[in-house]
PDB file of N, CA and C in Angstrom:
ATOM      1  N   MET A   1       1.359  -1.428  -0.250  1.00  0.00           N
ATOM      2  CA  MET A   1       0.186   0.540  -0.388  1.00  0.00           C
ATOM      3  C   MET A   1       1.330   1.542  -0.043  1.00  0.00           C
ATOM      4  N   PHE A   2       2.024   1.005   0.978  1.00  0.00           N
ATOM      5  CA  PHE A   2       2.814   2.123   0.772  1.00  0.00           C
ATOM      6  C   PHE A   2       3.734   2.829  -0.253  1.00  0.00           C
ATOM      7  N   ASN A   3       4.412   1.583  -0.744  1.00  0.00           N
ATOM      8  CA  ASN A   3       5.572   1.675  -2.565  1.00  0.00           C
ATOM      9  C   ASN A   3       4.432   1.404  -3.516  1.00  0.00           C
ATOM     10  N   SER A   4       2.909   1.440  -3.429  1.00  0.00           N
ATOM     11  CA  SER A   4       2.101   2.131  -4.684  1.00  0.00           C
ATOM     12  C   SER A   4       1.954   3.412  -4.675  1.00  0.00           C
ATOM     13  N   SER A   5       2.071   3.765  -3.805  1.00  0.00           N
ATOM     14  CA  SER A   5       1.907   5.332  -2.671  1.00  0.00           C
ATOM     15  C   SER A   5       2.682   6.111  -3.616  1.00  0.00           C
ATOM     16  N   ASP A   6       3.630   5.375  -4.249  1.00  0.00           N
ATOM     17  CA  ASP A   6       5.037   6.853  -4.343  1.00  0.00           C
ATOM     18  C   ASP A   6       6.071   6.967  -3.205  1.00  0.00           C
ATOM     19  N   GLU A   7       5.377   6.315  -2.052  1.00  0.00           N
ATOM     20  CA  GLU A   7       6.088   6.489  -0.829  1.00  0.00           C
ATOM     21  C   GLU A   7       5.033   8.433  -0.084  1.00  0.00           C
ATOM     22  N   ILE A   8       3.979   8.487  -0.731  1.00  0.00           N
ATOM     23  CA  ILE A   8       3.621   9.823  -0.443  1.00  0.00           C
ATOM     24  C   ILE A   8       2.859   9.521   1.269  1.00  0.00           C
ATOM     25  N   PHE A   9       1.723   8.322   1.258  1.00  0.00           N
ATOM     26  CA  PHE A   9       1.069   8.539   2.411  1.00  0.00           C
ATOM     27  C   PHE A   9       1.704   7.349   3.787  1.00  0.00           C
ATOM     28  N   GLY A  10       0.480   8.809   4.574  1.00  0.00           N
ATOM     29  CA  GLY A  10       1.450   8.829   6.189  1.00  0.00           C
ATOM     30  C   GLY A  10       0.571   7.369   6.065  1.00  0.00           C
ATOM     31  N   HIS A  11       0.564   7.318   7.845  1.00  0.00           N
ATOM     32  CA  HIS A  11      -0.053   6.013   8.816  1.00  0.00           C
ATOM     33  C   HIS A  11      -2.220   6.421   8.032  1.00  0.00           C
ATOM     34  N   ARG A  12      -2.046   7.319   8.193  1.00  0.00           N
ATOM     35  CA  ARG A  12      -3.528   7.997   8.907  1.00  0.00           C
ATOM     36  C   ARG A  12      -4.295   8.018   7.180  1.00  0.00           C
ATOM     37  N   MET A  13      -3.748   7.849   6.027  1.00  0.00           N
ATOM     38  CA  MET A  13      -4.133   7.432   4.568  1.00  0.00           C
ATOM     39  C   MET A  13      -3.949   6.047   4.398  1.00  0.00           C
ATOM     40  N   VAL A  14      -2.726   4.858   4.829  1.00  0.00           N
ATOM     41  CA  VAL A  14      -2.732   3.927   4.553  1.00  0.00           C
ATOM     42  C   VAL A  14      -3.809   2.470   5.644  1.00  0.00           C
ATOM     43  N   HIS A  15      -3.899   3.444   6.844  1.00  0.00           N
ATOM     44  CA  HIS A  15      -5.214   3.118   7.696  1.00  0.00           C
ATOM     45  C   HIS A  15      -6.575   3.098   6.752  1.00  0.00           C
ATOM     46  N   THR A  16      -6.435   4.267   5.898  1.00  0.00           N
ATOM     47  CA  THR A  16      -7.936   4.354   5.532  1.00  0.00           C
ATOM     48  C   THR A  16      -8.021   3.740   4.445  1.00  0.00           C
ATOM     49  N   LYS A  17      -7.400   3.183   3.321  1.00  0.00           N
ATOM     50  CA  LYS A  17      -7.098   2.384   2.382  1.00  0.00           C
ATOM     51  C   LYS A  17      -7.055   0.887   3.104  1.00  0.00           C
ATOM     52  N   LEU A  18      -6.784   0.790   4.416  1.00  0.00           N
ATOM     53  CA  LEU A  18      -6.926  -0.997   4.208  1.00  0.00           C
ATOM     54  C   LEU A  18      -8.551  -0.341   5.040  1.00  0.00           C
ATOM     55  N   THR A  19      -8.603   0.171   5.690  1.00  0.00           N
ATOM     56  CA  THR A  19     -10.120  -0.586   5.691  1.00  0.00           C
ATOM     57  C   THR A  19     -10.916  -0.065   4.939  1.00  0.00           C
ATOM     58  N   ALA A  20     -10.828   0.816   3.729  1.00  0.00           N
ATOM     59  CA  ALA A  20     -11.454   0.250   2.389  1.00  0.00           C
ATOM     60  C   ALA A  20     -11.510  -0.695   1.930  1.00  0.00           C
ATOM     61  N   ASP A  21      -9.609  -2.176   2.005  1.00  0.00           N
ATOM     62  CA  ASP A  21     -10.525  -2.869   1.490  1.00  0.00           C
ATOM     63  C   ASP A  21     -10.672  -4.016   2.087  1.00  0.00           C
ATOM     64  N   GLY A  22     -11.079  -3.714   3.437  1.00  0.00           N
ATOM     65  CA  GLY A  22     -12.008  -4.957   4.897  1.00  0.00           C
ATOM     66  C   GLY A  22     -10.453  -5.346   5.622  1.00  0.00           C
ATOM     67  N   VAL A  23      -9.120  -5.012   5.744  1.00  0.00           N
ATOM     68  CA  VAL A  23      -8.532  -4.761   6.914  1.00  0.00           C
ATOM     69  C   VAL A  23      -8.867  -4.963   7.909  1.00  0.00           C
ATOM     70  N   THR A  24      -8.652  -5.027   9.257  1.00  0.00           N
ATOM     71  CA  THR A  24      -9.191  -4.626  10.319  1.00  0.00           C
ATOM     72  C   THR A  24      -7.547  -4.094  11.083  1.00  0.00           C
ATOM     73  N   VAL A  25      -7.696  -2.916  10.944  1.00  0.00           N
ATOM     74  CA  VAL A  25      -5.519  -2.667  11.795  1.00  0.00           C
ATOM     75  C   VAL A  25      -6.373  -1.668  12.426  1.00  0.00           C
ATOM     76  N   SER A  26      -4.789  -1.165  13.975  1.00  0.00           N
ATOM     77  CA  SER A  26      -5.721   0.823  14.127  1.00  0.00           C
ATOM     78  C   SER A  26      -4.719   1.003  13.420  1.00  0.00           C
ATOM     79  N   VAL A  27      -4.589   2.790  13.676  1.00  0.00           N
ATOM     80  CA  VAL A  27      -4.011   3.787  13.376  1.00  0.00           C
ATOM     81  C   VAL A  27      -2.669   3.891  13.727  1.00  0.00           C
ATOM     82  N   GLY A  28      -2.712   3.108  15.224  1.00  0.00           N
ATOM     83  CA  GLY A  28      -1.059   2.959  15.766  1.00  0.00           C
ATOM     84  C   GLY A  28      -0.738   1.881  15.273  1.00  0.00           C
ATOM     85  N   THR A  29      -1.388   1.221  15.378  1.00  0.00           N
ATOM     86  CA  THR A  29      -1.015  -0.331  14.887  1.00  0.00           C
ATOM     87  C   THR A  29       0.353  -0.243  13.963  1.00  0.00           C
ATOM     88  N   VAL A  30      -0.583   0.605  12.802  1.00  0.00           N
ATOM     89  CA  VAL A  30      -0.044   1.320  11.286  1.00  0.00           C
ATOM     90  C   VAL A  30       1.295   2.274  11.200  1.00  0.00           C
ATOM     91  N   ALA A  31       0.826   3.014  12.087  1.00  0.00           N
ATOM     92  CA  ALA A  31       2.218   3.791  12.382  1.00  0.00           C
ATOM     93  C   ALA A  31       3.316   2.695  13.322  1.00  0.00           C
ATOM     94  N   THR A  32       2.937   2.283  14.118  1.00  0.00           N
ATOM     95  CA  THR A  32       4.226   1.321  14.656  1.00  0.00           C
ATOM     96  C   THR A  32       4.533   0.744  13.916  1.00  0.00           C
ATOM     97  N   ILE A  33       4.043  -0.684  12.802  1.00  0.00           N
ATOM     98  CA  ILE A  33       4.955  -1.022  11.276  1.00  0.00           C
ATOM     99  C   ILE A  33       5.457  -0.244  10.401  1.00  0.00           C
ATOM    100  N   MET A  34       4.654   1.235  10.167  1.00  0.00           N
ATOM    101  CA  MET A  34       5.646   2.028   9.039  1.00  0.00           C
ATOM    102  C   MET A  34       6.828   2.028   9.542  1.00  0.00           C
ATOM    103  N   ALA A  35       6.966   2.998  11.398  1.00  0.00           N
ATOM    104  CA  ALA A  35       8.266   3.150  12.060  1.00  0.00           C
ATOM    105  C   ALA A  35       8.916   2.596  12.154  1.00  0.00           C
ATOM    106  N   GLU A  36       8.345   1.432  12.189  1.00  0.00           N
ATOM    107  CA  GLU A  36       9.486  -0.045  12.455  1.00  0.00           C
ATOM    108  C   GLU A  36       9.893  -0.679  11.032  1.00  0.00           C
ATOM    109  N   ASN A  37      10.193   0.047   9.856  1.00  0.00           N
ATOM    110  CA  ASN A  37      10.330  -0.873   8.804  1.00  0.00           C
ATOM    111  C   ASN A  37      10.622   0.628   8.194  1.00  0.00           C
ATOM    112  N   GLY A  38      10.818   1.445   8.716  1.00  0.00           N
ATOM    113  CA  GLY A  38      11.482   3.228   8.269  1.00  0.00           C
ATOM    114  C   GLY A  38      11.149   3.303   7.079  1.00  0.00           C
ATOM    115  N   TRP A  39       9.286   3.601   7.179  1.00  0.00           N
ATOM    116  CA  TRP A  39       8.373   4.285   6.228  1.00  0.00           C
ATOM    117  C   TRP A  39       7.570   5.385   6.139  1.00  0.00           C
ATOM    118  N   GLN A  40       8.266   6.508   6.005  1.00  0.00           N
ATOM    119  CA  GLN A  40       7.730   7.686   6.006  1.00  0.00           C
ATOM    120  C   GLN A  40       7.160   8.447   4.961  1.00  0.00           C
ATOM    121  N   ALA A  41       6.298   8.731   5.043  1.00  0.00           N
ATOM    122  CA  ALA A  41       5.622   9.608   3.690  1.00  0.00           C
ATOM    123  C   ALA A  41       6.724  10.637   3.187  1.00  0.00           C
ATOM    124  N   ARG A  42       6.818  11.513   2.464  1.00  0.00           N
ATOM    125  CA  ARG A  42       6.851  12.611   1.840  1.00  0.00           C
ATOM    126  C   ARG A  42       6.169  13.740   1.323  1.00  0.00           C
ATOM    127  N   ARG A  43       6.069  15.209   1.791  1.00  0.00           N
ATOM    128  CA  ARG A  43       5.943  16.463   1.647  1.00  0.00           C
ATOM    129  C   ARG A  43       5.690  16.188   0.726  1.00  0.00           C
ATOM    130  N   MET A  44       4.010  16.763  -0.182  1.00  0.00           N
ATOM    131  CA  MET A  44       3.948  17.420  -1.100  1.00  0.00           C
ATOM    132  C   MET A  44       4.216  18.781  -1.116  1.00  0.00           C
ATOM    133  N   ARG A  45       5.278  19.352  -1.828  1.00  0.00           N
ATOM    134  CA  ARG A  45       5.143  21.136  -1.674  1.00  0.00           C
ATOM    135  C   ARG A  45       4.314  21.364  -2.529  1.00  0.00           C
ATOM    136  N   ALA A  46       3.683  22.483  -1.530  1.00  0.00           N
ATOM    137  CA  ALA A  46       3.027  22.849  -3.014  1.00  0.00           C
ATOM    138  C   ALA A  46       3.065  23.982  -3.737  1.00  0.00           C
ATOM    139  N   PHE A  47       2.320  23.985  -4.557  1.00  0.00           N
ATOM    140  CA  PHE A  47       2.956  24.649  -5.944  1.00  0.00           C
ATOM    141  C   PHE A  47       3.044  25.967  -6.589  1.00  0.00           C
ATOM    142  N   LYS A  48       4.009  27.010  -6.405  1.00  0.00           N
ATOM    143  CA  LYS A  48       4.249  28.608  -5.788  1.00  0.00           C
ATOM    144  C   LYS A  48       4.714  29.154  -6.889  1.00  0.00           C
ATOM    145  N   ARG A  49       4.338  29.922  -7.842  1.00  0.00           N
ATOM    146  CA  ARG A  49       4.215  30.446  -9.207  1.00  0.00           C
ATOM    147  C   ARG A  49       5.517  32.260  -8.878  1.00  0.00           C
ATOM    148  N   THR A  50       6.035  31.504  -9.269  1.00  0.00           N
ATOM    149  CA  THR A  50       8.072  32.352  -9.342  1.00  0.00           C
ATOM    150  C   THR A  50       8.205  33.351 -10.406  1.00  0.00           C
ATOM    151  N   THR A  51       7.248  33.217 -11.446  1.00  0.00           N
ATOM    152  CA  THR A  51       7.189  34.050 -11.964  1.00  0.00           C
ATOM    153  C   THR A  51       5.425  34.420 -12.596  1.00  0.00           C
ATOM    154  N   THR A  52       4.813  36.058 -12.170  1.00  0.00           N
ATOM    155  CA  THR A  52       4.143  36.866 -12.158  1.00  0.00           C
ATOM    156  C   THR A  52       4.122  37.606 -13.599  1.00  0.00           C
ATOM    157  N   PRO A  53       2.834  37.767 -14.459  1.00  0.00           N
ATOM    158  CA  PRO A  53       2.749  38.214 -15.733  1.00  0.00           C
ATOM    159  C   PRO A  53       4.027  39.649 -15.015  1.00  0.00           C
ATOM    160  N   GLY A  54       4.000  40.794 -15.414  1.00  0.00           N
ATOM    161  CA  GLY A  54       4.105  42.308 -15.673  1.00  0.00           C
ATOM    162  C   GLY A  54       2.920  42.938 -16.476  1.00  0.00           C
ATOM    163  N   ASP A  55       3.611  44.244 -15.773  1.00  0.00           N
ATOM    164  CA  ASP A  55       1.729  45.089 -16.132  1.00  0.00           C
ATOM    165  C   ASP A  55       1.307  44.921 -17.895  1.00  0.00           C
ATOM    166  N   PRO A  56       0.342  44.781 -18.109  1.00  0.00           N
ATOM    167  CA  PRO A  56      -0.117  44.801 -19.527  1.00  0.00           C
ATOM    168  C   PRO A  56       0.556  45.804 -20.399  1.00  0.00           C
ATOM    169  N   ASP A  57       0.266  47.055 -20.372  1.00  0.00           N
ATOM    170  CA  ASP A  57       0.449  48.297 -20.738  1.00  0.00           C
ATOM    171  C   ASP A  57       2.080  48.752 -21.189  1.00  0.00           C
ATOM    172  N   LYS A  58       3.117  47.585 -20.830  1.00  0.00           N
ATOM    173  CA  LYS A  58       4.265  48.121 -20.744  1.00  0.00           C
ATOM    174  C   LYS A  58       4.828  46.103 -21.607  1.00  0.00           C
ATOM    175  N   VAL A  59       3.791  45.493 -21.662  1.00  0.00           N
ATOM    176  CA  VAL A  59       4.020  45.283 -22.333  1.00  0.00           C
ATOM    177  C   VAL A  59       5.126  45.743 -23.842  1.00  0.00           C
ATOM    178  N   PHE A  60       6.471  44.803 -24.211  1.00  0.00           N
ATOM    179  CA  PHE A  60       6.252  46.005 -25.167  1.00  0.00           C
ATOM    180  C   PHE A  60       6.557  44.552 -26.392  1.00  0.00           C
ATOM    181  N   LYS A  61       6.361  45.710 -27.938  1.00  0.00           N
ATOM    182  CA  LYS A  61       6.453  45.086 -29.072  1.00  0.00           C
ATOM    183  C   LYS A  61       7.780  43.853 -29.618  1.00  0.00           C
ATOM    184  N   ASP A  62       6.870  42.603 -30.572  1.00  0.00           N
ATOM    185  CA  ASP A  62       8.291  41.831 -30.409  1.00  0.00           C
ATOM    186  C   ASP A  62       8.867  42.518 -32.403  1.00  0.00           C
ATOM    187  N   LEU A  63       9.535  42.876 -31.610  1.00  0.00           N
ATOM    188  CA  LEU A  63      10.648  43.209 -32.800  1.00  0.00           C
ATOM    189  C   LEU A  63      11.526  41.887 -33.672  1.00  0.00           C
ATOM    190  N   ILE A  64      11.582  40.521 -33.072  1.00  0.00           N
ATOM    191  CA  ILE A  64      12.718  40.006 -34.107  1.00  0.00           C
ATOM    192  C   ILE A  64      11.678  38.861 -33.759  1.00  0.00           C
ATOM    193  N   GLY A  65      10.546  38.747 -33.570  1.00  0.00           N
ATOM    194  CA  GLY A  65      10.164  37.581 -33.695  1.00  0.00           C
ATOM    195  C   GLY A  65      10.193  36.270 -33.144  1.00  0.00           C
ATOM    196  N   ARG A  66      10.376  36.349 -31.959  1.00  0.00           N
ATOM    197  CA  ARG A  66      10.081  35.226 -31.335  1.00  0.00           C
ATOM    198  C   ARG A  66       9.078  34.483 -30.807  1.00  0.00           C
TER     199      ARG A  66
END
């Protein structure tokens, strides 16, 4: 379950998926098993725009055809 999620699922999401598949296990047990195996969820970084469009009035004419 953890490996098929590209290692981004934490213990709560793994527990949710296991419960949906009919496996009865507590969240703490899932967390313990993941810790024993050294599995940690990777945090996804939020998208951050690094370039913002400038003032539309200051857009220059394309003189060289790019």
